Protein backbone atom coordinates (compact mmCIF):
# COMPACT_ATOMS: atom_id res chain seq x y z
CA MET A 1 174.89 161.20 -47.09
CA PRO A 2 171.36 159.80 -46.86
CA LEU A 3 168.53 162.17 -45.98
CA VAL A 4 166.48 161.88 -42.84
CA ASN A 5 163.18 161.62 -44.74
CA ASN A 6 161.07 162.12 -41.64
CA CYS A 7 161.33 162.18 -37.89
CA THR A 8 158.44 161.68 -35.49
CA ALA A 9 160.47 162.51 -32.36
CA GLU A 10 158.67 165.81 -31.85
CA SER A 11 160.41 166.44 -28.53
CA CYS A 12 163.83 166.65 -30.23
CA ALA A 13 165.41 170.09 -30.51
CA PHE A 14 166.30 169.39 -34.16
CA ASN A 15 162.74 168.37 -35.15
CA HIS A 16 160.47 170.96 -36.74
CA ASP A 17 157.26 169.75 -38.40
CA HIS A 18 158.55 166.13 -38.57
CA ASN A 19 161.71 167.21 -40.37
CA CYS A 20 165.20 166.87 -38.94
CA HIS A 21 167.28 170.03 -39.18
CA ALA A 22 170.55 168.72 -37.74
CA LEU A 23 173.18 168.96 -40.46
CA ALA A 24 174.27 165.37 -39.79
CA ILE A 25 173.08 162.79 -37.26
CA THR A 26 174.79 159.76 -35.80
CA ILE A 27 172.89 156.51 -35.46
CA GLY A 28 173.55 153.73 -33.04
CA GLU A 29 175.53 152.52 -30.22
CA PRO A 30 176.99 149.09 -30.72
CA THR A 31 173.78 147.23 -29.79
CA HIS A 32 170.89 149.60 -30.48
CA ALA A 33 169.96 151.75 -33.52
CA GLN A 34 169.14 154.86 -31.53
CA CYS A 35 169.58 158.40 -32.77
CA ASP A 36 172.62 159.59 -30.82
CA THR A 37 171.96 163.16 -31.97
CA PHE A 38 168.57 163.37 -30.20
CA VAL A 39 168.41 166.34 -27.81
CA GLY A 40 165.34 166.70 -25.62
CA GLY A 41 164.36 169.73 -23.64
CA PRO A 42 163.52 173.35 -24.31
CA PHE A 43 166.12 173.88 -27.02
CA ASP A 44 165.77 174.96 -30.63
CA GLY A 45 168.51 173.35 -32.66
CA GLY A 46 169.69 172.89 -36.20
CA ASP A 47 169.60 174.94 -39.34
CA PRO A 48 165.98 175.73 -40.26
CA ASN A 49 166.97 175.82 -43.95
CA ALA A 50 168.67 172.40 -43.92
CA ILE A 51 167.33 168.86 -44.05
CA GLY A 52 169.14 166.37 -41.82
CA HIS A 53 171.46 163.71 -43.19
CA VAL A 54 173.03 160.60 -41.70
CA GLY A 55 176.64 161.43 -40.95
CA ALA A 56 177.64 158.15 -39.32
CA CYS A 57 176.14 154.84 -38.30
CA LYS A 58 177.62 152.66 -35.59
CA MET A 59 175.30 149.71 -36.36
CA ALA A 60 177.85 147.50 -38.12
CA ASP A 61 175.26 144.72 -38.47
CA CYS A 62 172.78 146.86 -40.46
CA ARG A 63 172.28 145.84 -44.07
CA TYR A 64 172.73 149.48 -45.13
CA ASN A 65 176.02 149.98 -43.26
CA ASP A 66 179.27 150.04 -45.20
CA HIS A 67 182.33 150.95 -43.12
CA LEU A 68 180.12 152.80 -40.59
CA GLU A 69 178.49 154.88 -43.33
CA CYS A 70 174.79 154.53 -44.12
CA GLN A 71 174.05 153.53 -47.72
CA ALA A 72 170.24 153.64 -47.50
CA PRO A 73 168.61 156.10 -49.91
CA GLY A 74 167.03 157.79 -46.88
CA ILE A 75 165.94 156.93 -43.36
CA SER A 76 163.04 157.46 -40.98
CA VAL A 77 163.58 158.24 -37.32
CA GLY A 78 161.02 157.81 -34.55
CA TYR A 79 160.13 156.20 -31.27
CA GLN A 80 160.43 152.50 -30.57
CA ARG A 81 159.30 152.09 -26.99
CA ASP A 82 160.89 155.04 -25.17
CA ILE A 83 163.93 155.42 -27.43
CA VAL A 84 164.34 157.48 -30.60
CA ASP A 85 165.58 154.98 -33.20
CA CYS A 86 166.46 154.69 -36.84
CA LEU A 87 163.33 152.96 -38.11
CA THR A 88 165.10 152.00 -41.33
CA TYR A 89 167.65 149.81 -39.50
CA GLN A 90 167.59 146.19 -40.73
CA PRO A 91 170.00 143.54 -39.46
CA ALA A 92 172.05 142.01 -42.27
């Protein structure tokens, strides 16, 4: 599973010092490459000893997607407008 190399969504419960600590994230809804695992609010989530990975990707049109699995060597996650997105997403 590809690593989440960095995440600039500081308001996410899984983000600590620009690192994702969710064991596995899901990217996308059928039309937008958002991080479906994003959790805002006063929560502290994830495993502080783990680095996040991409567990699934629903962006079938991404060049890195193979059978809903991300094949990128790693991804970046951050804000695009008001939504937390996979910044590595590239339409095929």
